[in-house]
Amino acid sequence: MKSLLVIAMALVSVSSFAADHKDAAHKAAMEACKEHSKDKKAMEACVTEKMKAPAMEASAPAAAPAPAHK
């Protein structure tokens, strides 16, 4: 019973951290796209693009194999 409580608390903590990180990333994307503030569609497209970019950059180095040293 105690272990179930610990697991539940860990899951809540992780999901809370993920939500906070997503909010921070969204705010940073909104800040970077200020020049599109007059056009709502352009602003949404810019924010969507900025939110996708870090995810793509983070996965790219992990996918590339390390060069072999001779």
C-alpha atoms as a PDB file:
ATOM      1  CA  MET A   1       0.000   0.000   0.000  1.00  0.00           C
ATOM      2  CA  LYS A   2       2.821   2.366   0.907  1.00  0.00           C
ATOM      3  CA  SER A   3       4.634   1.659  -2.360  1.00  0.00           C
ATOM      4  CA  LEU A   4       1.486   2.481  -4.342  1.00  0.00           C
ATOM      5  CA  LEU A   5       1.304   5.842  -2.603  1.00  0.00           C
ATOM      6  CA  VAL A   6       4.954   6.551  -3.432  1.00  0.00           C
ATOM      7  CA  ILE A   7       4.387   5.615  -7.087  1.00  0.00           C
ATOM      8  CA  ALA A   8       1.300   7.830  -7.282  1.00  0.00           C
ATOM      9  CA  MET A   9       3.175  10.763  -5.764  1.00  0.00           C
ATOM     10  CA  ALA A  10       6.038  10.279  -8.240  1.00  0.00           C
ATOM     11  CA  LEU A  11       3.634  10.255 -11.199  1.00  0.00           C
ATOM     12  CA  VAL A  12       1.954  13.440 -10.004  1.00  0.00           C
ATOM     13  CA  SER A  13       5.327  15.099  -9.559  1.00  0.00           C
ATOM     14  CA  VAL A  14       6.540  14.118 -13.038  1.00  0.00           C
ATOM     15  CA  SER A  15       3.327  15.215 -14.761  1.00  0.00           C
ATOM     16  CA  SER A  16       3.399  18.527 -12.900  1.00  0.00           C
ATOM     17  CA  PHE A  17       6.999  19.129 -13.977  1.00  0.00           C
ATOM     18  CA  ALA A  18       6.116  18.310 -17.595  1.00  0.00           C
ATOM     19  CA  ALA A  19       3.197  20.756 -17.550  1.00  0.00           C
ATOM     20  CA  ASP A  20       5.419  23.510 -16.119  1.00  0.00           C
ATOM     21  CA  HIS A  21       8.069  22.855 -18.770  1.00  0.00           C
ATOM     22  CA  LYS A  22       5.477  22.994 -21.553  1.00  0.00           C
ATOM     23  CA  ASP A  23       4.147  26.314 -20.230  1.00  0.00           C
ATOM     24  CA  ALA A  24       7.663  27.763 -20.120  1.00  0.00           C
ATOM     25  CA  ALA A  25       8.371  26.585 -23.671  1.00  0.00           C
ATOM     26  CA  HIS A  26       5.102  28.109 -24.892  1.00  0.00           C
ATOM     27  CA  LYS A  27       5.898  31.447 -23.236  1.00  0.00           C
ATOM     28  CA  ALA A  28       9.363  31.438 -24.831  1.00  0.00           C
ATOM     29  CA  ALA A  29       7.844  30.720 -28.246  1.00  0.00           C
ATOM     30  CA  MET A  30       5.316  33.537 -27.792  1.00  0.00           C
ATOM     31  CA  GLU A  31       8.147  35.897 -26.867  1.00  0.00           C
ATOM     32  CA  ALA A  32      10.157  34.879 -29.942  1.00  0.00           C
ATOM     33  CA  CYS A  33       7.165  35.461 -32.245  1.00  0.00           C
ATOM     34  CA  LYS A  34       6.288  38.993 -31.107  1.00  0.00           C
ATOM     35  CA  GLU A  35       6.804  40.410 -34.598  1.00  0.00           C
ATOM     36  CA  HIS A  36       3.733  38.444 -35.761  1.00  0.00           C
ATOM     37  CA  SER A  37       1.468  39.821 -33.028  1.00  0.00           C
ATOM     38  CA  LYS A  38      -0.725  41.768 -35.482  1.00  0.00           C
ATOM     39  CA  ASP A  39      -1.637  38.680 -37.555  1.00  0.00           C
ATOM     40  CA  LYS A  40      -3.243  35.924 -35.458  1.00  0.00           C
ATOM     41  CA  LYS A  41      -2.702  33.136 -38.023  1.00  0.00           C
ATOM     42  CA  ALA A  42       0.950  34.046 -38.533  1.00  0.00           C
ATOM     43  CA  MET A  43       1.426  34.180 -34.757  1.00  0.00           C
ATOM     44  CA  GLU A  44      -0.087  30.703 -34.293  1.00  0.00           C
ATOM     45  CA  ALA A  45       2.043  29.296 -37.123  1.00  0.00           C
ATOM     46  CA  CYS A  46       5.186  30.850 -35.660  1.00  0.00           C
ATOM     47  CA  VAL A  47       4.483  29.520 -32.154  1.00  0.00           C
ATOM     48  CA  THR A  48       3.739  26.046 -33.536  1.00  0.00           C
ATOM     49  CA  GLU A  49       6.995  26.100 -35.495  1.00  0.00           C
ATOM     50  CA  LYS A  50       9.006  27.269 -32.467  1.00  0.00           C
ATOM     51  CA  MET A  51       7.450  24.590 -30.246  1.00  0.00           C
ATOM     52  CA  LYS A  52       8.372  21.840 -32.750  1.00  0.00           C
ATOM     53  CA  ALA A  53      11.948  23.054 -33.325  1.00  0.00           C
ATOM     54  CA  PRO A  54      13.414  22.151 -29.883  1.00  0.00           C
ATOM     55  CA  ALA A  55      11.898  18.660 -30.067  1.00  0.00           C
ATOM     56  CA  MET A  56      13.424  18.093 -33.493  1.00  0.00           C
ATOM     57  CA  GLU A  57      16.844  19.428 -32.383  1.00  0.00           C
ATOM     58  CA  ALA A  58      16.872  17.257 -29.275  1.00  0.00           C
ATOM     59  CA  SER A  59      16.170  14.064 -31.220  1.00  0.00           C
ATOM     60  CA  ALA A  60      18.622  14.751 -34.082  1.00  0.00           C
ATOM     61  CA  PRO A  61      21.919  14.368 -32.151  1.00  0.00           C
ATOM     62  CA  ALA A  62      20.684  11.235 -30.430  1.00  0.00           C
ATOM     63  CA  ALA A  63      19.866   9.615 -33.786  1.00  0.00           C
ATOM     64  CA  ALA A  64      23.295  10.274 -35.328  1.00  0.00           C
ATOM     65  CA  PRO A  65      25.922   7.655 -34.452  1.00  0.00           C
ATOM     66  CA  ALA A  66      29.129   8.807 -32.835  1.00  0.00           C
ATOM     67  CA  PRO A  67      32.202   8.745 -35.095  1.00  0.00           C
ATOM     68  CA  ALA A  68      34.653   5.940 -34.426  1.00  0.00           C
ATOM     69  CA  HIS A  69      38.053   6.928 -33.042  1.00  0.00           C
ATOM     70  CA  LYS A  70      41.097   5.301 -34.599  1.00  0.00           C
END
